[in-house]
Amino acid sequence: MANIKSAKKRILVNRKRAERNKSVKSKVKTMIKKVETAVAAGDKELARANLVLAESEVDKACSKGVYHRNTAARKVSRLAKSVNKLA
């Protein structure tokens, strides 16, 4: 454990942020899996509906700084491409 007050605070803040980032990433992964499951099942309407929700979650994660904007764009692009292949 650190001895300096500012270092102790950094440890606490980093721990809190890591927990937040973990929950946000988990939610994004869940939404992506829902889209991929719908695509695998061949359900266009469900895939499109889930794509909108997944895109929203990815954008929220990007705005919170959990994902870099290029990473978020890549994830959304790949999902959209897989959904568009169904049509």
N, C-alpha and C. Protein backbone atom coordinates (compact mmCIF):
# COMPACT_ATOMS: atom_id res chain seq x y z
N MET A 1 0.84 -1.19 0.00
CA MET A 1 0.00 0.00 0.00
C MET A 1 0.88 1.24 0.00
N ALA A 2 0.40 2.25 -0.69
CA ALA A 2 1.16 3.50 -0.81
C ALA A 2 1.17 4.27 0.51
N ASN A 3 2.19 5.08 0.69
CA ASN A 3 2.30 5.91 1.89
C ASN A 3 1.83 7.34 1.65
N ILE A 4 1.97 7.81 0.43
CA ILE A 4 1.64 9.19 0.11
C ILE A 4 0.12 9.31 -0.10
N LYS A 5 -0.43 10.40 0.42
CA LYS A 5 -1.88 10.60 0.39
C LYS A 5 -2.43 10.59 -1.05
N SER A 6 -1.75 11.28 -1.95
CA SER A 6 -2.24 11.36 -3.33
C SER A 6 -2.18 9.99 -4.02
N ALA A 7 -1.17 9.20 -3.66
CA ALA A 7 -1.06 7.85 -4.24
C ALA A 7 -2.18 6.95 -3.73
N LYS A 8 -2.54 7.13 -2.45
CA LYS A 8 -3.66 6.36 -1.90
C LYS A 8 -4.95 6.71 -2.62
N LYS A 9 -5.14 8.00 -2.87
CA LYS A 9 -6.34 8.44 -3.58
C LYS A 9 -6.37 7.87 -4.99
N ARG A 10 -5.24 7.89 -5.67
CA ARG A 10 -5.16 7.36 -7.04
C ARG A 10 -5.58 5.89 -7.06
N ILE A 11 -5.14 5.13 -6.07
CA ILE A 11 -5.50 3.71 -5.99
C ILE A 11 -7.01 3.55 -5.87
N LEU A 12 -7.63 4.36 -5.00
CA LEU A 12 -9.08 4.28 -4.82
C LEU A 12 -9.83 4.68 -6.07
N VAL A 13 -9.39 5.78 -6.69
CA VAL A 13 -10.06 6.27 -7.89
C VAL A 13 -9.91 5.27 -9.04
N ASN A 14 -8.71 4.73 -9.19
CA ASN A 14 -8.49 3.75 -10.26
C ASN A 14 -9.34 2.51 -10.07
N ARG A 15 -9.48 2.07 -8.83
CA ARG A 15 -10.30 0.89 -8.54
C ARG A 15 -11.77 1.16 -8.91
N LYS A 16 -12.26 2.34 -8.54
CA LYS A 16 -13.65 2.71 -8.83
C LYS A 16 -13.88 2.78 -10.34
N ARG A 17 -12.95 3.41 -11.04
CA ARG A 17 -13.09 3.54 -12.50
C ARG A 17 -13.00 2.19 -13.19
N ALA A 18 -12.13 1.32 -12.69
CA ALA A 18 -11.99 -0.01 -13.29
C ALA A 18 -13.29 -0.80 -13.15
N GLU A 19 -13.94 -0.68 -12.00
CA GLU A 19 -15.22 -1.36 -11.79
C GLU A 19 -16.28 -0.82 -12.74
N ARG A 20 -16.32 0.49 -12.90
CA ARG A 20 -17.29 1.10 -13.81
C ARG A 20 -17.04 0.64 -15.24
N ASN A 21 -15.77 0.70 -15.65
CA ASN A 21 -15.41 0.29 -17.01
C ASN A 21 -15.77 -1.18 -17.25
N LYS A 22 -15.56 -2.00 -16.24
CA LYS A 22 -15.85 -3.43 -16.37
C LYS A 22 -17.34 -3.66 -16.60
N SER A 23 -18.18 -2.94 -15.86
CA SER A 23 -19.62 -3.14 -16.02
C SER A 23 -20.10 -2.61 -17.37
N VAL A 24 -19.53 -1.50 -17.82
CA VAL A 24 -19.92 -0.94 -19.12
C VAL A 24 -19.50 -1.89 -20.24
N LYS A 25 -18.28 -2.41 -20.17
CA LYS A 25 -17.80 -3.35 -21.19
C LYS A 25 -18.64 -4.62 -21.20
N SER A 26 -19.03 -5.08 -20.03
CA SER A 26 -19.85 -6.28 -19.93
C SER A 26 -21.20 -6.06 -20.61
N LYS A 27 -21.79 -4.90 -20.38
CA LYS A 27 -23.09 -4.58 -20.99
C LYS A 27 -22.97 -4.52 -22.51
N VAL A 28 -21.88 -3.92 -23.00
CA VAL A 28 -21.66 -3.83 -24.44
C VAL A 28 -21.52 -5.24 -25.04
N LYS A 29 -20.74 -6.08 -24.38
CA LYS A 29 -20.55 -7.45 -24.88
C LYS A 29 -21.87 -8.21 -24.94
N THR A 30 -22.71 -8.01 -23.91
CA THR A 30 -24.01 -8.68 -23.88
C THR A 30 -24.87 -8.23 -25.06
N MET A 31 -24.89 -6.93 -25.33
CA MET A 31 -25.70 -6.42 -26.43
C MET A 31 -25.18 -6.93 -27.78
N ILE A 32 -23.86 -7.01 -27.92
CA ILE A 32 -23.27 -7.53 -29.16
C ILE A 32 -23.65 -9.00 -29.35
N LYS A 33 -23.62 -9.77 -28.26
CA LYS A 33 -23.99 -11.18 -28.35
C LYS A 33 -25.44 -11.34 -28.76
N LYS A 34 -26.33 -10.45 -28.29
CA LYS A 34 -27.74 -10.52 -28.67
C LYS A 34 -27.90 -10.32 -30.17
N VAL A 35 -27.15 -9.37 -30.73
CA VAL A 35 -27.22 -9.13 -32.18
C VAL A 35 -26.69 -10.34 -32.92
N GLU A 36 -25.55 -10.86 -32.49
CA GLU A 36 -24.94 -12.00 -33.18
C GLU A 36 -25.82 -13.24 -33.10
N THR A 37 -26.52 -13.43 -31.99
CA THR A 37 -27.43 -14.57 -31.85
C THR A 37 -28.60 -14.44 -32.81
N ALA A 38 -29.14 -13.22 -32.92
CA ALA A 38 -30.25 -13.00 -33.85
C ALA A 38 -29.82 -13.20 -35.30
N VAL A 39 -28.60 -12.77 -35.62
CA VAL A 39 -28.07 -12.95 -36.98
C VAL A 39 -27.89 -14.44 -37.26
N ALA A 40 -27.37 -15.17 -36.30
CA ALA A 40 -27.16 -16.61 -36.48
C ALA A 40 -28.49 -17.34 -36.67
N ALA A 41 -29.53 -16.85 -35.99
CA ALA A 41 -30.85 -17.47 -36.11
C ALA A 41 -31.55 -17.05 -37.40
N GLY A 42 -31.05 -15.99 -38.03
CA GLY A 42 -31.64 -15.51 -39.28
C GLY A 42 -32.85 -14.62 -39.08
N ASP A 43 -33.01 -14.08 -37.88
CA ASP A 43 -34.15 -13.21 -37.56
C ASP A 43 -33.78 -11.75 -37.84
N LYS A 44 -34.23 -11.24 -39.00
CA LYS A 44 -33.84 -9.89 -39.43
C LYS A 44 -34.38 -8.81 -38.50
N GLU A 45 -35.66 -8.91 -38.15
CA GLU A 45 -36.27 -7.86 -37.33
C GLU A 45 -35.64 -7.77 -35.94
N LEU A 46 -35.43 -8.91 -35.32
CA LEU A 46 -34.81 -8.94 -34.00
C LEU A 46 -33.37 -8.42 -34.08
N ALA A 47 -32.67 -8.81 -35.14
CA ALA A 47 -31.28 -8.36 -35.31
C ALA A 47 -31.22 -6.85 -35.45
N ARG A 48 -32.14 -6.29 -36.24
CA ARG A 48 -32.14 -4.82 -36.43
C ARG A 48 -32.48 -4.11 -35.13
N ALA A 49 -33.46 -4.63 -34.40
CA ALA A 49 -33.85 -4.01 -33.13
C ALA A 49 -32.69 -4.06 -32.13
N ASN A 50 -32.03 -5.21 -32.06
CA ASN A 50 -30.89 -5.35 -31.15
C ASN A 50 -29.71 -4.52 -31.60
N LEU A 51 -29.57 -4.33 -32.92
CA LEU A 51 -28.46 -3.50 -33.43
C LEU A 51 -28.60 -2.07 -32.94
N VAL A 52 -29.81 -1.54 -32.94
CA VAL A 52 -30.04 -0.17 -32.47
C VAL A 52 -29.64 -0.06 -31.00
N LEU A 53 -30.04 -1.04 -30.20
CA LEU A 53 -29.70 -1.01 -28.77
C LEU A 53 -28.19 -1.16 -28.55
N ALA A 54 -27.59 -2.07 -29.32
CA ALA A 54 -26.15 -2.30 -29.17
C ALA A 54 -25.36 -1.06 -29.58
N GLU A 55 -25.80 -0.42 -30.67
CA GLU A 55 -25.11 0.78 -31.14
C GLU A 55 -25.19 1.88 -30.08
N SER A 56 -26.33 1.99 -29.43
CA SER A 56 -26.51 2.97 -28.38
C SER A 56 -25.56 2.70 -27.21
N GLU A 57 -25.45 1.45 -26.80
CA GLU A 57 -24.57 1.09 -25.69
C GLU A 57 -23.10 1.35 -26.02
N VAL A 58 -22.71 1.02 -27.25
CA VAL A 58 -21.33 1.25 -27.67
C VAL A 58 -21.02 2.74 -27.68
N ASP A 59 -21.97 3.55 -28.17
CA ASP A 59 -21.77 5.00 -28.20
C ASP A 59 -21.67 5.57 -26.78
N LYS A 60 -22.47 5.04 -25.86
CA LYS A 60 -22.39 5.49 -24.47
C LYS A 60 -21.02 5.15 -23.88
N ALA A 61 -20.55 3.94 -24.16
CA ALA A 61 -19.24 3.53 -23.65
C ALA A 61 -18.15 4.41 -24.22
N CYS A 62 -18.29 4.78 -25.49
CA CYS A 62 -17.30 5.66 -26.13
C CYS A 62 -17.31 7.04 -25.48
N SER A 63 -18.50 7.57 -25.21
CA SER A 63 -18.59 8.91 -24.63
C SER A 63 -18.06 8.94 -23.20
N LYS A 64 -18.13 7.81 -22.49
CA LYS A 64 -17.61 7.73 -21.13
C LYS A 64 -16.10 7.48 -21.11
N GLY A 65 -15.52 7.24 -22.28
CA GLY A 65 -14.08 7.02 -22.35
C GLY A 65 -13.67 5.58 -22.12
N VAL A 66 -14.64 4.66 -22.13
CA VAL A 66 -14.31 3.26 -21.92
C VAL A 66 -13.68 2.68 -23.18
N TYR A 67 -14.22 3.08 -24.34
CA TYR A 67 -13.67 2.66 -25.63
C TYR A 67 -13.18 3.88 -26.40
N HIS A 68 -12.13 3.69 -27.17
CA HIS A 68 -11.67 4.72 -28.10
C HIS A 68 -12.70 4.84 -29.21
N ARG A 69 -12.84 6.03 -29.79
CA ARG A 69 -13.90 6.23 -30.78
C ARG A 69 -13.73 5.35 -32.01
N ASN A 70 -12.50 5.05 -32.39
CA ASN A 70 -12.29 4.17 -33.55
C ASN A 70 -12.68 2.73 -33.22
N THR A 71 -12.43 2.31 -32.00
CA THR A 71 -12.83 0.97 -31.57
C THR A 71 -14.34 0.85 -31.58
N ALA A 72 -15.01 1.87 -31.07
CA ALA A 72 -16.47 1.87 -31.03
C ALA A 72 -17.03 1.84 -32.46
N ALA A 73 -16.45 2.64 -33.33
CA ALA A 73 -16.91 2.69 -34.72
C ALA A 73 -16.71 1.34 -35.40
N ARG A 74 -15.60 0.69 -35.12
CA ARG A 74 -15.31 -0.61 -35.72
C ARG A 74 -16.32 -1.66 -35.25
N LYS A 75 -16.62 -1.65 -33.95
CA LYS A 75 -17.59 -2.61 -33.42
C LYS A 75 -18.97 -2.43 -34.06
N VAL A 76 -19.42 -1.18 -34.14
CA VAL A 76 -20.73 -0.89 -34.73
C VAL A 76 -20.75 -1.25 -36.21
N SER A 77 -19.66 -0.94 -36.90
CA SER A 77 -19.58 -1.24 -38.32
C SER A 77 -19.67 -2.72 -38.60
N ARG A 78 -18.97 -3.51 -37.81
CA ARG A 78 -18.98 -4.97 -38.01
C ARG A 78 -20.37 -5.55 -37.73
N LEU A 79 -21.02 -5.03 -36.69
CA LEU A 79 -22.37 -5.50 -36.38
C LEU A 79 -23.34 -5.14 -37.51
N ALA A 80 -23.26 -3.89 -37.97
CA ALA A 80 -24.16 -3.44 -39.04
C ALA A 80 -23.94 -4.27 -40.30
N LYS A 81 -22.69 -4.57 -40.58
CA LYS A 81 -22.37 -5.36 -41.78
C LYS A 81 -22.98 -6.75 -41.68
N SER A 82 -22.90 -7.36 -40.51
CA SER A 82 -23.46 -8.70 -40.35
C SER A 82 -24.98 -8.69 -40.44
N VAL A 83 -25.62 -7.63 -39.93
CA VAL A 83 -27.08 -7.52 -40.01
C VAL A 83 -27.51 -7.26 -41.45
N ASN A 84 -26.76 -6.43 -42.16
CA ASN A 84 -27.11 -6.10 -43.55
C ASN A 84 -26.96 -7.30 -44.47
N LYS A 85 -26.12 -8.27 -44.11
CA LYS A 85 -25.96 -9.47 -44.92
C LYS A 85 -27.24 -10.30 -44.93
N LEU A 86 -28.06 -10.17 -43.89
CA LEU A 86 -29.32 -10.92 -43.82
C LEU A 86 -30.32 -10.45 -44.88
N ALA A 87 -30.25 -9.16 -45.21
CA ALA A 87 -31.26 -8.58 -46.12
C ALA A 87 -31.11 -9.00 -47.56
